[in-house]
Structure formats: C-alpha cells, structure tokens
Protein backbone atom coordinates (compact mmCIF):
# COMPACT_ATOMS: atom_id res chain seq x y z
CA MET A 1 42.68 -35.44 -6.26
CA LEU A 2 45.77 -33.27 -6.26
CA LEU A 3 45.95 -33.58 -2.48
CA TYR A 4 46.08 -37.38 -2.51
CA ASP A 5 48.38 -37.58 -5.56
CA SER A 6 50.90 -35.25 -3.92
CA TYR A 7 51.12 -37.26 -0.71
CA PRO A 8 51.13 -41.02 -1.59
CA LEU A 9 51.37 -43.39 1.35
CA ALA A 10 54.65 -45.41 1.66
CA TYR A 11 54.16 -48.98 2.88
CA THR A 12 56.79 -51.31 4.39
CA ASN A 13 57.28 -54.76 3.08
CA SER A 14 55.51 -56.12 6.14
CA GLY A 15 52.31 -54.26 5.31
CA GLY A 16 52.73 -51.49 7.92
CA VAL A 17 53.18 -47.79 7.39
CA SER A 18 56.69 -46.33 7.34
CA ARG A 19 57.72 -43.31 9.37
CA MET A 20 57.72 -41.18 6.24
CA GLY A 21 54.28 -42.45 5.46
CA MET A 22 53.11 -41.64 8.98
CA ARG A 23 54.40 -38.10 8.67
CA ARG A 24 52.65 -37.68 5.35
CA LEU A 25 49.46 -39.20 6.75
CA GLY A 26 49.57 -36.79 9.70
CA LEU A 27 50.01 -33.87 7.34
CA ILE A 28 47.05 -34.98 5.27
CA LEU A 29 44.85 -35.35 8.36
CA ALA A 30 45.87 -31.91 9.59
CA VAL A 31 44.93 -30.33 6.23
CA VAL A 32 41.59 -32.15 6.20
CA MET A 33 40.77 -31.00 9.75
CA LEU A 34 41.71 -27.41 8.88
CA ILE A 35 39.38 -27.43 5.85
CA ALA A 36 36.57 -28.94 7.93
CA SER A 37 37.07 -26.27 10.58
CA ILE A 38 36.89 -23.45 8.03
CA GLY A 39 33.81 -24.94 6.42
CA SER A 40 32.07 -25.20 9.77
CA GLY A 41 32.83 -21.57 10.52
CA VAL A 42 31.52 -20.35 7.15
CA PHE A 43 28.30 -22.36 6.90
CA GLY A 44 27.39 -23.12 10.49
CA CYS A 45 28.12 -19.94 12.44
CA ARG A 46 26.80 -16.93 10.50
CA SER A 47 26.96 -13.66 12.35
CA PRO A 48 23.64 -12.24 13.63
CA GLN A 49 24.07 -9.20 11.35
CA SER A 50 23.74 -11.41 8.26
CA LYS A 51 20.29 -12.61 9.30
CA PRO A 52 17.25 -10.44 8.42
CA LEU A 53 15.45 -9.13 11.43
CA PRO A 54 12.02 -10.80 11.78
CA ASP A 55 8.94 -8.58 11.64
CA ARG A 56 7.33 -7.88 14.94
CA SER A 57 4.23 -9.99 15.52
CA GLN A 58 0.84 -8.39 15.94
CA GLU A 59 1.04 -9.15 19.68
CA GLU A 60 4.19 -7.03 19.97
CA LYS A 61 2.74 -4.03 18.16
CA GLU A 62 0.70 -1.22 19.66
CA PRO A 63 -2.75 -0.18 18.41
CA PRO A 64 -2.78 2.58 15.76
CA PRO A 65 -2.75 6.09 17.23
CA ARG A 66 -6.01 8.00 17.27
CA GLU A 67 -4.58 10.67 14.93
CA LEU A 68 -4.06 8.05 12.20
CA GLN A 69 -7.76 7.18 12.15
CA GLN A 70 -8.67 10.87 12.23
CA LEU A 71 -6.42 11.65 9.27
CA GLN A 72 -7.83 8.71 7.31
CA THR A 73 -11.40 9.88 7.97
CA SER A 74 -10.62 13.48 6.95
CA LEU A 75 -8.97 12.45 3.70
CA GLU A 76 -11.88 10.10 2.95
CA GLN A 77 -14.34 12.94 3.48
CA LEU A 78 -12.35 15.25 1.24
CA TYR A 79 -12.27 12.68 -1.54
CA GLU A 80 -16.00 11.93 -1.24
CA GLU A 81 -16.75 15.63 -1.67
CA LEU A 82 -14.79 15.74 -4.91
CA LYS A 83 -15.15 12.32 -6.51
CA PRO A 84 -16.42 12.17 -10.11
CA LYS A 85 -20.08 11.43 -10.78
CA PRO A 86 -21.66 9.70 -13.76
CA ALA A 87 -22.65 12.27 -16.38
CA ALA A 88 -26.38 12.16 -15.60
CA LEU A 89 -25.87 12.57 -11.85
CA ALA A 90 -23.32 15.37 -12.37
CA ASP A 91 -25.74 17.32 -14.58
CA GLU A 92 -28.53 16.86 -12.03
CA LYS A 93 -26.32 18.07 -9.17
CA GLN A 94 -25.16 21.07 -11.15
CA ALA A 95 -28.73 22.01 -12.05
CA LYS A 96 -29.77 21.74 -8.42
CA ALA A 97 -26.87 23.91 -7.29
CA GLU A 98 -27.71 26.55 -9.87
CA GLY A 99 -31.37 26.48 -8.87
CA GLU A 100 -30.46 27.13 -5.24
CA GLU A 101 -28.53 30.22 -6.32
CA MET A 102 -31.57 31.89 -7.93
CA GLY A 103 -33.15 34.61 -5.81
CA GLU A 104 -36.54 36.33 -5.97
CA GLY A 105 -37.73 37.28 -9.43
CA GLY A 106 -35.38 34.77 -10.99
CA GLN A 107 -32.34 36.90 -10.19
CA ARG A 108 -29.15 34.86 -9.90
CA MET A 109 -27.48 35.22 -6.49
CA GLU A 110 -23.67 35.28 -6.51
CA ARG A 111 -22.05 32.77 -4.17
CA PRO A 112 -18.32 33.41 -4.50
CA GLU A 113 -17.44 30.71 -1.99
CA THR A 114 -18.82 27.96 -4.22
CA ALA A 115 -18.02 26.68 -7.69
CA GLY A 116 -19.62 23.70 -9.33
CA GLY A 117 -21.64 22.99 -6.20
CA ILE A 118 -18.51 22.86 -4.03
CA ASP A 119 -18.08 24.98 -0.92
CA TRP A 120 -14.40 25.87 -1.30
CA SER A 121 -14.30 27.81 1.95
CA ARG A 122 -15.37 24.69 3.81
CA LEU A 123 -12.80 22.61 1.94
CA HIS A 124 -10.12 25.11 2.92
CA ARG A 125 -11.02 24.54 6.57
CA GLN A 126 -10.96 20.80 5.94
CA VAL A 127 -7.44 21.03 4.55
CA GLU A 128 -6.33 23.02 7.58
CA ARG A 129 -7.74 20.30 9.83
CA ILE A 130 -5.88 17.64 7.83
CA HIS A 131 -2.59 19.47 8.35
CA MET A 132 -3.25 19.74 12.08
CA GLN A 133 -3.94 16.01 12.26
CA TRP A 134 -0.75 15.18 10.39
CA SER A 135 1.19 17.47 12.72
CA GLY A 136 -0.01 15.39 15.66
CA LEU A 137 0.69 12.09 13.89
CA GLU A 138 4.06 12.65 12.22
CA HIS A 139 6.32 12.17 15.23
CA LYS A 140 4.38 9.09 16.31
CA VAL A 141 4.80 7.21 13.04
CA ILE A 142 8.47 8.18 12.93
CA GLN A 143 8.98 6.78 16.43
CA SER A 144 7.15 3.61 15.34
CA GLY A 145 9.59 3.06 12.47
CA ALA A 146 8.00 4.74 9.45
CA ARG A 147 10.28 4.90 6.44
CA PRO A 148 11.64 8.41 5.73
CA GLU A 149 10.48 8.20 2.09
CA ASP A 150 6.89 7.54 3.24
CA VAL A 151 6.95 10.50 5.63
CA ALA A 152 8.39 12.75 2.91
CA GLY A 153 5.89 11.42 0.38
CA ILE A 154 2.74 12.13 2.37
CA GLU A 155 4.07 15.56 3.36
CA ARG A 156 4.63 16.38 -0.30
CA GLU A 157 1.04 15.48 -1.16
CA LEU A 158 -0.45 17.28 1.84
CA ASN A 159 1.54 20.43 1.16
CA ASP A 160 -0.02 20.63 -2.31
CA LEU A 161 -3.59 20.61 -0.97
CA PRO A 162 -3.86 24.34 -0.03
CA ALA A 163 -2.71 25.47 -3.47
CA ARG A 164 -5.28 23.21 -5.14
CA VAL A 165 -8.03 24.71 -3.00
CA SER A 166 -6.89 28.26 -3.74
CA VAL A 167 -7.30 27.79 -7.51
CA GLU A 168 -10.42 25.62 -7.05
CA ASP A 169 -8.76 22.72 -8.84
CA ARG A 170 -11.25 19.94 -8.19
CA SER A 171 -9.50 17.12 -10.03
CA GLY A 172 -6.06 18.11 -8.74
CA LEU A 173 -7.28 18.34 -5.15
CA ARG A 174 -9.01 14.97 -5.44
CA LEU A 175 -5.87 13.38 -6.86
CA GLU A 176 -3.59 14.81 -4.15
CA ALA A 177 -5.99 13.75 -1.40
CA ASN A 178 -6.06 10.17 -2.69
CA ASN A 179 -2.29 10.12 -3.16
CA ALA A 180 -1.81 11.25 0.43
CA ALA A 181 -4.24 8.60 1.68
CA GLY A 182 -2.23 6.02 -0.26
CA TYR A 183 0.54 6.29 2.34
CA LEU A 184 -1.74 5.39 5.25
CA PRO A 185 -1.58 1.60 4.73
CA ASP A 186 2.21 1.80 5.11
CA PHE A 187 1.74 3.52 8.46
CA LEU A 188 -1.01 1.12 9.56
CA GLU A 189 1.35 -1.83 9.12
CA LEU A 190 3.50 -0.38 11.89
CA TYR A 191 0.72 -1.14 14.36
CA ALA A 192 -1.55 -3.97 15.43
CA VAL A 193 -4.32 -4.03 12.81
CA ARG A 194 -7.11 -6.55 12.50
CA VAL A 195 -7.40 -6.52 8.70
CA PRO A 196 -4.62 -6.67 6.07
CA ALA A 197 -3.52 -3.19 5.02
CA ASP A 198 -3.50 -4.40 1.40
CA LEU A 199 -7.30 -4.12 1.38
CA LEU A 200 -6.97 -0.41 2.10
CA ARG A 201 -4.36 -0.14 -0.65
CA LEU A 202 -6.88 -1.67 -3.05
CA ARG A 203 -9.39 1.07 -2.27
CA TYR A 204 -6.96 3.89 -3.01
CA LEU A 205 -5.72 2.18 -6.16
CA ALA A 206 -9.28 1.74 -7.42
CA ARG A 207 -9.87 5.45 -6.83
CA ASP A 208 -6.75 6.20 -8.82
CA VAL A 209 -8.31 4.26 -11.69
CA VAL A 210 -11.31 6.59 -11.48
CA ASN A 211 -9.12 9.69 -11.33
CA ARG A 212 -7.19 8.61 -14.41
CA VAL A 213 -10.32 7.73 -16.35
CA ASP A 214 -11.92 11.05 -15.42
CA GLY A 215 -8.84 12.79 -16.81
CA GLY A 216 -8.83 10.72 -19.99
CA ASP A 217 -5.70 8.76 -19.04
CA TRP A 218 -6.87 5.31 -20.10
CA ALA A 219 -3.34 3.93 -20.42
CA GLY A 220 -2.69 4.91 -16.81
CA ALA A 221 -5.94 3.21 -15.80
CA ASP A 222 -4.79 0.04 -17.58
CA GLN A 223 -1.57 0.08 -15.56
CA ASP A 224 -3.51 0.57 -12.34
CA MET A 225 -5.66 -2.45 -13.13
CA VAL A 226 -2.55 -4.60 -13.51
CA LYS A 227 -1.40 -3.39 -10.09
CA MET A 228 -4.83 -4.11 -8.62
CA ARG A 229 -4.68 -7.69 -9.88
CA GLU A 230 -1.24 -8.17 -8.33
CA LEU A 231 -2.28 -6.54 -5.06
CA TRP A 232 -5.43 -8.65 -4.81
CA SER A 233 -3.41 -11.84 -5.39
CA ARG A 234 -1.14 -10.82 -2.52
CA ALA A 235 -4.11 -10.01 -0.30
CA LEU A 236 -5.63 -13.43 -1.00
CA LEU A 237 -2.47 -15.06 0.35
CA GLN A 238 -3.02 -13.17 3.60
CA LEU A 239 -6.67 -14.26 3.55
CA LYS A 240 -5.96 -17.91 2.70
CA ASP A 241 -7.93 -19.09 5.75
CA THR A 242 -10.90 -16.87 4.93
CA PRO A 243 -13.96 -18.59 3.41
CA ARG A 244 -14.22 -18.01 -0.32
CA THR A 245 -17.76 -16.74 0.10
CA LEU A 246 -16.33 -13.66 1.83
CA THR A 247 -13.87 -12.77 -0.91
CA GLU A 248 -15.52 -13.80 -4.17
CA SER A 249 -17.61 -10.62 -4.54
CA VAL A 250 -14.52 -8.42 -4.43
CA HIS A 251 -12.75 -10.81 -6.79
CA PHE A 252 -15.50 -10.51 -9.39
CA ASP A 253 -15.79 -6.75 -8.86
CA ILE A 254 -12.16 -6.30 -9.86
CA GLY A 255 -12.87 -8.22 -13.06
CA ASP A 256 -15.94 -6.08 -13.77
CA LEU A 257 -13.96 -2.89 -13.20
CA GLU A 258 -11.22 -4.08 -15.54
CA GLU A 259 -13.80 -4.90 -18.20
CA ALA A 260 -15.28 -1.41 -17.90
CA VAL A 261 -11.81 0.10 -18.33
CA ASN A 262 -11.22 -2.08 -21.39
CA LYS A 263 -14.48 -0.79 -22.88
CA ARG A 264 -13.31 2.80 -22.35
CA ASP A 265 -16.69 3.59 -20.77
CA ARG A 266 -16.24 6.37 -18.19
CA ASP A 267 -19.65 6.12 -16.53
CA LEU A 268 -19.45 2.33 -16.35
CA VAL A 269 -16.04 2.60 -14.67
CA LEU A 270 -17.48 4.96 -12.05
CA ILE A 271 -20.40 2.63 -11.39
CA LYS A 272 -18.27 -0.52 -11.12
CA GLU A 273 -15.71 1.19 -8.90
CA GLU A 274 -18.41 2.32 -6.49
CA ILE A 275 -19.79 -1.23 -6.30
CA PHE A 276 -16.26 -2.51 -5.69
CA GLU A 277 -15.77 -0.10 -2.78
CA LYS A 278 -19.06 -1.09 -1.17
CA ASN A 279 -18.26 -4.79 -1.36
CA LEU A 280 -14.71 -4.16 -0.16
CA ASP A 281 -16.07 -2.30 2.88
CA SER A 282 -18.45 -5.20 3.49
CA LEU A 283 -15.53 -7.65 3.35
CA VAL A 284 -13.56 -5.58 5.84
CA ARG A 285 -16.50 -5.44 8.26
CA ARG A 286 -17.07 -9.19 8.04
CA LEU A 287 -13.39 -9.93 8.53
CA GLU A 288 -13.38 -7.76 11.64
CA ALA A 289 -16.42 -9.63 12.92
CA GLU A 290 -14.77 -13.00 12.25
CA ILE A 291 -11.54 -12.16 14.11
C-alpha cells in the first residue's frame, strides 16, 4: 500500500500517461521485478546443503558383516546363561547343582569355578571371545557410518564384562550383556536387513524389563513398558503391509507383559516375557519367509 501511495500515476487530460507518470510507472515495475527475483531465489532455488540427505535404500546397502551376527549370537548365549528363572525353577536348578557337587559318602566336593550353578571360567572365555569379535567388527561398522556415540556406548558396556565375571556378579553381567546387545540394532540398520531392526530392539527392551523386575526396580520396568508400547507402534508402521494375523500375537503379548508388571508379580513377568520372545522370534521367521 505504501508503494502505490508513494508513486501515484499522473494522467494527461487526453487520458494518456504523462512522461512523469511513465517514469514513475517504470520505477514501480523495476521494484516489483526486483522483489519477484529475490523471492524466486529464496523459495525456488535452495542450496543442496539445506536439503537432508536421503537414507540409502536397501538395494544400495551391503549385507551385514559376519562378525555382527557372531557378536549377536555370543551376547545372546551369555544372556541365556544368566537370565532370571521363576522361583520354583531356580530352586530346582540350585538343588540339582548342589546334588552334582556331592561326592562319595555324601561329602561335598568343592568346585571353585562355579557359583550358583554357573561355570564362571567358561563365561570368562565367552567374554574373551566377545571382545575378539568386537575387535573384528569395530572398524567395519565405523566405515559403514556408525555413530561415534554408538561405538563408544557398546565399548563401554563390553569393557565392563570382565570385571563382572571376576566378582561373579550375575545380575550385573546379565545387565551389561543386554545393554551391549542393545546397540546391535543401530549397527544392523547400516546394512541390508530383511526384517525391521525395531523388532530386535523390542527383544532387548523386554529383557531390560526382566532385569529391572529381578532387581526390584518396578518403576524402571514401568518406564520400559511405555518405551515398548512406543517402539511397537513404530514397528507396526514399518509392517503396515504385513497381515494382522502375523503381528497380533506379539501385540497381545506386550499387553500381557504390561499387566504382569502392573501386578508386581515377578514370576508372572518372567513367564510372560519368555512367551513374548518366542512369539517375536516366530514373527521374525515368518517375515523372513514372506519376503
């Protein structure tokens, strides 16, 4: 409005435009063209640096390195050796272990390498193997674009494993092993994978629920359940073309696990989490078969 008020057109008596009016009209047109040119430059020609780089498609990615699968398997085995058992099963296992340590005449045989039915010497060798596998994997994930904070995070967890074995800290070792495994989905996403990495994240988060419950941290378990709900919702978006019959079991299992946590029933949590893992593994296998 100010532009047009400042430069009124001057008309001649014959209805034409005077020279002064022409000059003012030319000035107005020049200003308008300059504004249009600036606007075009700002909104129509953004520099490439301002655009986010698109993620590489699965076709452009390489398969995961063999060491990544090996590390995942080793951490899974370590966790399975240490995972909590329902009270009745734990008592039965302990009784069996103690019975195997009795010698002739009912004399108890000392087995310094074991405690609570766990062969700590074997676990020490397992931890050594895990560190060797990470040594062979680290430079590969870095070259593939792994975030520095993920590399530092898994190293921090892995470096704590030997100390946990040395003091025979079962719960601490189990927690560190699961925390370390929690970084693997981030590495898997750097490669061509057939199944969403969020499904693997769900497994490690469910195990964290168990670890917290076993340690009496019910508030922490509640927080994990909220994260599981959010993670499952995100996974469902990635599985939007998957038949509901393939995903509904896992969906209901998460609800059952949450209900067990709400009841503050340790053994029920352990049972429901194990069912969840079995159905999650079944979903993964069926998804791989469908692809």
